[in-house]
N, C-alpha and C. Protein backbone atom coordinates (compact mmCIF):
# COMPACT_ATOMS: atom_id res chain seq x y z
N MET A 1 7.58 -17.73 -9.21
CA MET A 1 8.71 -17.08 -8.53
C MET A 1 9.63 -16.45 -9.58
N THR A 2 10.25 -15.34 -9.24
CA THR A 2 10.90 -14.48 -10.19
C THR A 2 12.36 -14.22 -9.84
N LYS A 3 13.21 -14.20 -10.87
CA LYS A 3 14.60 -13.82 -10.73
C LYS A 3 14.71 -12.34 -11.13
N VAL A 4 15.31 -11.53 -10.25
CA VAL A 4 15.35 -10.09 -10.42
C VAL A 4 16.79 -9.62 -10.58
N TYR A 5 16.98 -8.67 -11.50
CA TYR A 5 18.25 -7.94 -11.61
C TYR A 5 18.00 -6.57 -11.00
N LEU A 6 18.80 -6.16 -10.02
CA LEU A 6 18.64 -4.88 -9.36
C LEU A 6 19.60 -3.87 -9.97
N ALA A 7 19.08 -2.87 -10.66
CA ALA A 7 19.89 -1.82 -11.26
C ALA A 7 19.77 -0.56 -10.41
N GLY A 8 20.83 0.20 -10.35
CA GLY A 8 20.80 1.48 -9.63
C GLY A 8 22.18 1.89 -9.20
N PRO A 9 22.38 3.18 -9.05
CA PRO A 9 23.70 3.67 -8.64
C PRO A 9 23.99 3.39 -7.17
N PHE A 10 25.29 3.20 -6.88
CA PHE A 10 25.72 2.99 -5.48
C PHE A 10 27.10 3.64 -5.30
N PHE A 11 27.12 4.96 -5.56
CA PHE A 11 28.38 5.67 -5.55
C PHE A 11 28.55 6.60 -4.36
N ASP A 12 27.50 6.88 -3.61
CA ASP A 12 27.63 7.70 -2.40
C ASP A 12 26.81 7.07 -1.29
N ALA A 13 26.89 7.63 -0.09
CA ALA A 13 26.24 7.02 1.09
C ALA A 13 24.72 6.91 0.90
N GLU A 14 24.09 7.95 0.34
CA GLU A 14 22.63 7.92 0.14
C GLU A 14 22.25 6.79 -0.83
N GLN A 15 22.99 6.68 -1.93
CA GLN A 15 22.67 5.65 -2.92
C GLN A 15 22.92 4.25 -2.36
N ILE A 16 24.00 4.07 -1.62
CA ILE A 16 24.30 2.77 -1.01
C ILE A 16 23.21 2.38 -0.02
N GLU A 17 22.76 3.32 0.77
CA GLU A 17 21.71 3.06 1.75
C GLU A 17 20.43 2.65 1.04
N ARG A 18 20.12 3.31 -0.05
CA ARG A 18 18.88 2.97 -0.81
C ARG A 18 19.00 1.57 -1.45
N ILE A 19 20.15 1.26 -2.02
CA ILE A 19 20.36 -0.05 -2.64
C ILE A 19 20.30 -1.12 -1.55
N GLU A 20 20.84 -0.87 -0.37
CA GLU A 20 20.76 -1.84 0.73
C GLU A 20 19.29 -2.08 1.12
N ARG A 21 18.48 -1.02 1.15
CA ARG A 21 17.05 -1.19 1.44
C ARG A 21 16.38 -1.97 0.32
N MET A 22 16.78 -1.73 -0.92
CA MET A 22 16.23 -2.48 -2.03
C MET A 22 16.59 -3.98 -1.92
N GLU A 23 17.82 -4.25 -1.59
CA GLU A 23 18.25 -5.66 -1.42
C GLU A 23 17.42 -6.33 -0.32
N HIS A 24 17.21 -5.62 0.76
CA HIS A 24 16.39 -6.16 1.86
C HIS A 24 14.96 -6.37 1.40
N ALA A 25 14.39 -5.43 0.67
CA ALA A 25 13.02 -5.57 0.19
C ALA A 25 12.87 -6.76 -0.73
N LEU A 26 13.83 -6.97 -1.61
CA LEU A 26 13.78 -8.13 -2.51
C LEU A 26 13.95 -9.43 -1.76
N THR A 27 14.78 -9.42 -0.72
CA THR A 27 14.99 -10.61 0.12
C THR A 27 13.70 -11.02 0.83
N THR A 28 12.93 -10.05 1.27
CA THR A 28 11.73 -10.33 2.02
C THR A 28 10.48 -10.54 1.17
N ASN A 29 10.58 -10.34 -0.14
CA ASN A 29 9.43 -10.51 -1.02
C ASN A 29 9.28 -12.00 -1.38
N ASP A 30 8.13 -12.56 -1.03
CA ASP A 30 7.90 -14.01 -1.25
C ASP A 30 7.80 -14.38 -2.72
N THR A 31 7.57 -13.43 -3.60
CA THR A 31 7.45 -13.75 -5.02
C THR A 31 8.79 -13.62 -5.76
N VAL A 32 9.86 -13.33 -5.04
CA VAL A 32 11.20 -13.25 -5.64
C VAL A 32 11.98 -14.51 -5.29
N THR A 33 12.38 -15.25 -6.31
CA THR A 33 13.18 -16.46 -6.11
C THR A 33 14.60 -16.08 -5.71
N SER A 34 15.17 -15.15 -6.49
CA SER A 34 16.54 -14.69 -6.24
C SER A 34 16.72 -13.36 -6.91
N PHE A 35 17.78 -12.67 -6.54
CA PHE A 35 18.11 -11.43 -7.21
C PHE A 35 19.60 -11.26 -7.30
N PHE A 36 20.02 -10.49 -8.29
CA PHE A 36 21.44 -10.14 -8.47
C PHE A 36 21.55 -8.64 -8.28
N SER A 37 22.48 -8.26 -7.41
CA SER A 37 22.78 -6.85 -7.19
C SER A 37 24.24 -6.61 -7.61
N PRO A 38 24.48 -5.80 -8.64
CA PRO A 38 25.86 -5.56 -9.10
C PRO A 38 26.78 -5.06 -7.98
N ARG A 39 26.19 -4.42 -6.98
CA ARG A 39 26.99 -3.94 -5.85
C ARG A 39 27.75 -5.07 -5.17
N SER A 40 27.21 -6.28 -5.23
CA SER A 40 27.83 -7.41 -4.54
C SER A 40 28.90 -8.08 -5.38
N GLU A 41 29.01 -7.72 -6.65
CA GLU A 41 29.98 -8.34 -7.55
C GLU A 41 31.22 -7.46 -7.61
N THR A 42 32.34 -7.96 -7.10
CA THR A 42 33.55 -7.12 -7.00
C THR A 42 34.62 -7.43 -8.03
N ASN A 43 34.57 -8.62 -8.65
CA ASN A 43 35.61 -9.02 -9.59
C ASN A 43 37.01 -8.79 -8.99
N ASP A 44 37.20 -9.36 -7.80
CA ASP A 44 38.46 -9.17 -7.07
C ASP A 44 39.69 -9.72 -7.79
N GLN A 45 39.50 -10.56 -8.78
CA GLN A 45 40.65 -11.11 -9.49
C GLN A 45 41.35 -10.04 -10.35
N PHE A 46 40.68 -8.89 -10.55
CA PHE A 46 41.26 -7.82 -11.33
C PHE A 46 41.36 -6.56 -10.49
N GLU A 47 42.31 -5.71 -10.83
CA GLU A 47 42.46 -4.44 -10.16
C GLU A 47 41.33 -3.50 -10.60
N MET A 48 40.63 -2.93 -9.62
CA MET A 48 39.50 -2.05 -9.94
C MET A 48 39.94 -0.91 -10.83
N GLY A 49 39.15 -0.67 -11.90
CA GLY A 49 39.42 0.42 -12.81
C GLY A 49 40.23 0.02 -14.01
N THR A 50 40.80 -1.19 -14.00
CA THR A 50 41.57 -1.63 -15.16
C THR A 50 40.63 -2.08 -16.28
N PRO A 51 41.15 -2.14 -17.51
CA PRO A 51 40.31 -2.63 -18.60
C PRO A 51 39.78 -4.06 -18.35
N GLU A 52 40.57 -4.90 -17.73
CA GLU A 52 40.14 -6.26 -17.44
C GLU A 52 38.98 -6.27 -16.44
N TRP A 53 39.09 -5.44 -15.42
CA TRP A 53 38.02 -5.32 -14.42
C TRP A 53 36.75 -4.79 -15.07
N ALA A 54 36.88 -3.77 -15.92
CA ALA A 54 35.72 -3.19 -16.57
C ALA A 54 35.03 -4.22 -17.47
N ALA A 55 35.80 -4.97 -18.25
CA ALA A 55 35.23 -5.98 -19.14
C ALA A 55 34.52 -7.08 -18.31
N ALA A 56 35.14 -7.51 -17.23
CA ALA A 56 34.53 -8.56 -16.41
C ALA A 56 33.26 -8.04 -15.74
N THR A 57 33.28 -6.81 -15.28
CA THR A 57 32.08 -6.22 -14.64
C THR A 57 30.95 -6.13 -15.64
N PHE A 58 31.24 -5.61 -16.83
CA PHE A 58 30.23 -5.53 -17.88
C PHE A 58 29.64 -6.90 -18.19
N GLU A 59 30.49 -7.89 -18.35
CA GLU A 59 30.02 -9.22 -18.74
C GLU A 59 29.17 -9.86 -17.65
N VAL A 60 29.54 -9.75 -16.40
CA VAL A 60 28.77 -10.29 -15.30
C VAL A 60 27.40 -9.62 -15.25
N ASP A 61 27.37 -8.32 -15.38
CA ASP A 61 26.09 -7.59 -15.33
C ASP A 61 25.21 -7.99 -16.50
N ARG A 62 25.77 -8.05 -17.71
CA ARG A 62 24.99 -8.41 -18.90
C ARG A 62 24.42 -9.82 -18.76
N LYS A 63 25.25 -10.75 -18.32
CA LYS A 63 24.78 -12.14 -18.14
C LYS A 63 23.67 -12.23 -17.12
N ASN A 64 23.76 -11.42 -16.07
CA ASN A 64 22.73 -11.48 -15.01
C ASN A 64 21.42 -10.81 -15.48
N ILE A 65 21.51 -9.80 -16.34
CA ILE A 65 20.30 -9.25 -16.91
C ILE A 65 19.65 -10.31 -17.82
N ASP A 66 20.49 -10.97 -18.63
CA ASP A 66 19.98 -12.02 -19.52
C ASP A 66 19.25 -13.13 -18.73
N ALA A 67 19.79 -13.47 -17.55
CA ALA A 67 19.23 -14.56 -16.74
C ALA A 67 18.01 -14.13 -15.93
N ALA A 68 17.79 -12.83 -15.80
CA ALA A 68 16.68 -12.33 -14.98
C ALA A 68 15.36 -12.38 -15.71
N ASP A 69 14.29 -12.45 -14.93
CA ASP A 69 12.94 -12.36 -15.47
C ASP A 69 12.50 -10.90 -15.57
N VAL A 70 13.04 -10.06 -14.70
CA VAL A 70 12.64 -8.66 -14.61
C VAL A 70 13.82 -7.84 -14.07
N VAL A 71 13.88 -6.58 -14.49
CA VAL A 71 14.86 -5.63 -13.95
C VAL A 71 14.13 -4.63 -13.09
N VAL A 72 14.61 -4.46 -11.87
CA VAL A 72 14.09 -3.44 -10.98
C VAL A 72 15.17 -2.36 -10.92
N ALA A 73 14.82 -1.13 -11.30
CA ALA A 73 15.81 -0.08 -11.44
C ALA A 73 15.48 1.12 -10.57
N VAL A 74 16.43 1.52 -9.72
CA VAL A 74 16.31 2.72 -8.92
C VAL A 74 16.74 3.90 -9.79
N ILE A 75 15.88 4.92 -9.91
CA ILE A 75 16.18 6.05 -10.78
C ILE A 75 16.17 7.38 -10.00
N ASP A 76 16.71 7.40 -8.81
CA ASP A 76 16.72 8.61 -8.02
C ASP A 76 17.89 9.51 -8.34
N TYR A 77 17.86 10.05 -9.55
CA TYR A 77 18.89 10.99 -9.97
C TYR A 77 18.48 12.41 -9.59
N VAL A 78 19.43 13.30 -9.66
CA VAL A 78 19.19 14.71 -9.33
C VAL A 78 19.04 15.49 -10.62
N ASP A 79 18.00 16.30 -10.70
CA ASP A 79 17.69 17.07 -11.90
C ASP A 79 17.59 16.14 -13.09
N GLU A 80 18.35 16.36 -14.10
CA GLU A 80 18.32 15.49 -15.30
C GLU A 80 19.61 14.72 -15.46
N HIS A 81 20.34 14.52 -14.35
CA HIS A 81 21.62 13.83 -14.39
C HIS A 81 21.41 12.34 -14.13
N VAL A 82 21.00 11.63 -15.15
CA VAL A 82 20.71 10.21 -15.07
C VAL A 82 21.98 9.41 -14.94
N ASP A 83 22.00 8.41 -14.07
CA ASP A 83 23.15 7.52 -13.98
C ASP A 83 23.28 6.72 -15.27
N PRO A 84 24.41 6.85 -16.00
CA PRO A 84 24.50 6.18 -17.30
C PRO A 84 24.47 4.66 -17.22
N GLY A 85 25.02 4.11 -16.15
CA GLY A 85 24.99 2.63 -16.02
C GLY A 85 23.56 2.13 -15.87
N THR A 86 22.79 2.79 -15.00
CA THR A 86 21.41 2.39 -14.82
C THR A 86 20.60 2.58 -16.09
N ALA A 87 20.85 3.69 -16.80
CA ALA A 87 20.17 3.92 -18.07
C ALA A 87 20.50 2.82 -19.07
N TRP A 88 21.75 2.40 -19.12
CA TRP A 88 22.12 1.31 -20.02
C TRP A 88 21.41 0.01 -19.64
N GLU A 89 21.40 -0.30 -18.34
CA GLU A 89 20.74 -1.55 -17.89
C GLU A 89 19.27 -1.54 -18.26
N ILE A 90 18.59 -0.41 -18.10
CA ILE A 90 17.19 -0.30 -18.45
C ILE A 90 17.01 -0.49 -19.98
N GLY A 91 17.85 0.17 -20.75
CA GLY A 91 17.77 0.05 -22.20
C GLY A 91 18.06 -1.37 -22.69
N TYR A 92 19.07 -1.99 -22.11
CA TYR A 92 19.40 -3.37 -22.50
C TYR A 92 18.26 -4.32 -22.18
N ALA A 93 17.71 -4.16 -20.97
CA ALA A 93 16.58 -5.02 -20.57
C ALA A 93 15.41 -4.82 -21.54
N ASN A 94 15.10 -3.56 -21.84
CA ASN A 94 13.99 -3.27 -22.75
C ASN A 94 14.23 -3.87 -24.13
N ALA A 95 15.46 -3.74 -24.64
CA ALA A 95 15.78 -4.29 -25.96
C ALA A 95 15.67 -5.81 -25.98
N ASN A 96 15.80 -6.44 -24.82
CA ASN A 96 15.72 -7.88 -24.72
C ASN A 96 14.37 -8.36 -24.16
N HIS A 97 13.39 -7.44 -24.23
CA HIS A 97 12.00 -7.75 -23.86
C HIS A 97 11.84 -8.20 -22.42
N LYS A 98 12.66 -7.63 -21.52
CA LYS A 98 12.53 -7.87 -20.10
C LYS A 98 11.73 -6.73 -19.49
N PRO A 99 10.73 -7.02 -18.71
CA PRO A 99 9.98 -5.93 -18.05
C PRO A 99 10.90 -5.18 -17.09
N VAL A 100 10.69 -3.85 -17.00
CA VAL A 100 11.48 -3.02 -16.11
C VAL A 100 10.52 -2.33 -15.13
N ILE A 101 10.83 -2.46 -13.86
CA ILE A 101 10.07 -1.77 -12.83
C ILE A 101 10.97 -0.68 -12.28
N LEU A 102 10.50 0.57 -12.36
CA LEU A 102 11.27 1.70 -11.87
C LEU A 102 10.88 1.95 -10.42
N VAL A 103 11.86 2.33 -9.63
CA VAL A 103 11.61 2.74 -8.25
C VAL A 103 12.16 4.17 -8.12
N LYS A 104 11.24 5.11 -7.87
CA LYS A 104 11.62 6.53 -7.78
C LYS A 104 11.08 7.07 -6.47
N GLU A 105 11.95 7.18 -5.49
CA GLU A 105 11.54 7.68 -4.18
C GLU A 105 11.54 9.18 -4.07
N LYS A 106 12.49 9.84 -4.68
CA LYS A 106 12.58 11.29 -4.55
C LYS A 106 11.37 11.94 -5.24
N PRO A 107 10.63 12.77 -4.49
CA PRO A 107 9.39 13.31 -5.02
C PRO A 107 9.58 14.40 -6.06
N ASN A 108 10.75 15.04 -6.05
CA ASN A 108 10.97 16.12 -7.01
C ASN A 108 11.49 15.58 -8.34
N GLY A 109 11.30 16.36 -9.34
CA GLY A 109 11.91 16.02 -10.61
C GLY A 109 11.00 15.22 -11.52
N SER A 110 11.48 14.98 -12.69
CA SER A 110 10.74 14.27 -13.70
C SER A 110 11.51 12.98 -14.04
N VAL A 111 10.96 12.24 -14.95
CA VAL A 111 11.58 10.98 -15.38
C VAL A 111 11.94 11.11 -16.84
N ASN A 112 13.10 10.62 -17.19
CA ASN A 112 13.51 10.60 -18.59
C ASN A 112 12.51 9.74 -19.37
N LEU A 113 12.04 10.24 -20.48
CA LEU A 113 11.02 9.51 -21.26
C LEU A 113 11.51 8.15 -21.75
N MET A 114 12.81 8.00 -21.94
CA MET A 114 13.33 6.72 -22.40
C MET A 114 13.31 5.67 -21.30
N MET A 115 13.06 6.12 -20.06
CA MET A 115 12.86 5.21 -18.94
C MET A 115 11.38 5.08 -18.61
N GLY A 116 10.68 6.20 -18.62
CA GLY A 116 9.28 6.25 -18.21
C GLY A 116 8.33 5.56 -19.16
N ILE A 117 8.51 5.76 -20.46
CA ILE A 117 7.57 5.19 -21.43
C ILE A 117 7.63 3.67 -21.44
N PRO A 118 8.79 3.02 -21.50
CA PRO A 118 8.78 1.56 -21.56
C PRO A 118 8.61 0.87 -20.20
N ALA A 119 8.57 1.64 -19.10
CA ALA A 119 8.49 1.01 -17.77
C ALA A 119 7.21 0.18 -17.63
N HIS A 120 7.36 -1.01 -17.11
CA HIS A 120 6.23 -1.88 -16.84
C HIS A 120 5.43 -1.35 -15.64
N ALA A 121 6.16 -0.86 -14.66
CA ALA A 121 5.54 -0.30 -13.46
C ALA A 121 6.49 0.72 -12.85
N VAL A 122 5.92 1.67 -12.11
CA VAL A 122 6.69 2.66 -11.39
C VAL A 122 6.24 2.61 -9.93
N LEU A 123 7.18 2.36 -9.04
CA LEU A 123 6.91 2.32 -7.62
C LEU A 123 7.57 3.54 -7.00
N LEU A 124 6.91 4.10 -5.98
CA LEU A 124 7.37 5.35 -5.42
C LEU A 124 8.09 5.24 -4.08
N HIS A 125 8.28 4.03 -3.61
CA HIS A 125 9.04 3.84 -2.38
C HIS A 125 9.62 2.43 -2.39
N VAL A 126 10.78 2.30 -1.79
CA VAL A 126 11.43 0.99 -1.69
C VAL A 126 10.52 -0.01 -0.99
N SER A 127 9.77 0.44 0.02
CA SER A 127 8.88 -0.49 0.74
C SER A 127 7.83 -1.09 -0.19
N ASP A 128 7.49 -0.43 -1.29
CA ASP A 128 6.54 -0.98 -2.24
C ASP A 128 7.07 -2.26 -2.90
N VAL A 129 8.39 -2.38 -2.96
CA VAL A 129 9.02 -3.56 -3.56
C VAL A 129 8.78 -4.78 -2.67
N THR A 130 8.71 -4.59 -1.38
CA THR A 130 8.47 -5.69 -0.45
C THR A 130 7.17 -6.42 -0.76
N SER A 131 6.15 -5.67 -1.14
CA SER A 131 4.83 -6.28 -1.35
C SER A 131 4.44 -6.40 -2.82
N TYR A 132 5.28 -5.96 -3.73
CA TYR A 132 4.96 -6.05 -5.15
C TYR A 132 4.85 -7.52 -5.57
N ASP A 133 3.84 -7.86 -6.33
CA ASP A 133 3.62 -9.24 -6.76
C ASP A 133 4.36 -9.48 -8.08
N PHE A 134 5.55 -10.05 -7.97
CA PHE A 134 6.35 -10.33 -9.15
C PHE A 134 5.82 -11.50 -9.97
N ASP A 135 4.87 -12.25 -9.41
CA ASP A 135 4.23 -13.32 -10.18
C ASP A 135 3.18 -12.71 -11.12
N ASP A 136 2.34 -11.82 -10.60
CA ASP A 136 1.29 -11.19 -11.42
C ASP A 136 1.79 -9.99 -12.21
N MET A 137 2.81 -9.33 -11.72
CA MET A 137 3.42 -8.16 -12.37
C MET A 137 2.41 -7.08 -12.74
N PRO A 138 1.70 -6.51 -11.76
CA PRO A 138 0.76 -5.42 -12.10
C PRO A 138 1.49 -4.23 -12.69
N THR A 139 0.80 -3.55 -13.61
CA THR A 139 1.40 -2.41 -14.27
C THR A 139 0.97 -1.10 -13.59
N SER A 140 1.81 -0.10 -13.71
CA SER A 140 1.45 1.25 -13.30
C SER A 140 2.36 2.21 -14.08
N GLU A 141 1.78 3.24 -14.64
CA GLU A 141 2.55 4.18 -15.46
C GLU A 141 3.03 5.35 -14.62
N TRP A 142 4.13 5.94 -15.07
CA TRP A 142 4.59 7.20 -14.50
C TRP A 142 3.64 8.28 -14.95
N THR A 143 3.10 9.04 -13.99
CA THR A 143 2.11 10.09 -14.35
C THR A 143 2.68 11.50 -14.20
N GLY A 144 3.93 11.62 -13.80
CA GLY A 144 4.53 12.91 -13.62
C GLY A 144 5.15 13.44 -14.92
N ASP A 145 5.92 14.47 -14.76
CA ASP A 145 6.60 15.09 -15.91
C ASP A 145 7.68 14.18 -16.46
N MET A 146 7.91 14.33 -17.75
CA MET A 146 9.01 13.62 -18.43
C MET A 146 9.84 14.61 -19.21
N PHE A 147 11.09 14.28 -19.36
CA PHE A 147 11.97 15.09 -20.20
C PHE A 147 12.64 14.22 -21.25
């Protein structure tokens, strides 16, 4: 059984809806013990946007990546405008030898090579997360364009 860190943007309605589907997919996957979604961490003890809130948010996310067995990252950016937070989470996980599974639903566009090359697997739909075997961790490479 696997502990998952869910990375991905949640700044507009489309992104929130996708992250909610990801949370549901991870909840229903029998090979996932637990998962952490930064969207659920509010750090209410600090005013949002303050330096204290930012530091607490960073620390909670970093600690949860450290505690995870794998990072699942949604990379549905537009054109080449990669979400910097998700990019950092992927890079930090990779630097700490955590496998990263990318989820890219949008059919258009390419993948940043700094995400695509080290990815353990690339899934093309959130529903693929429901049945992905996090115990066996099968690999699959991104075969599309990279920038």
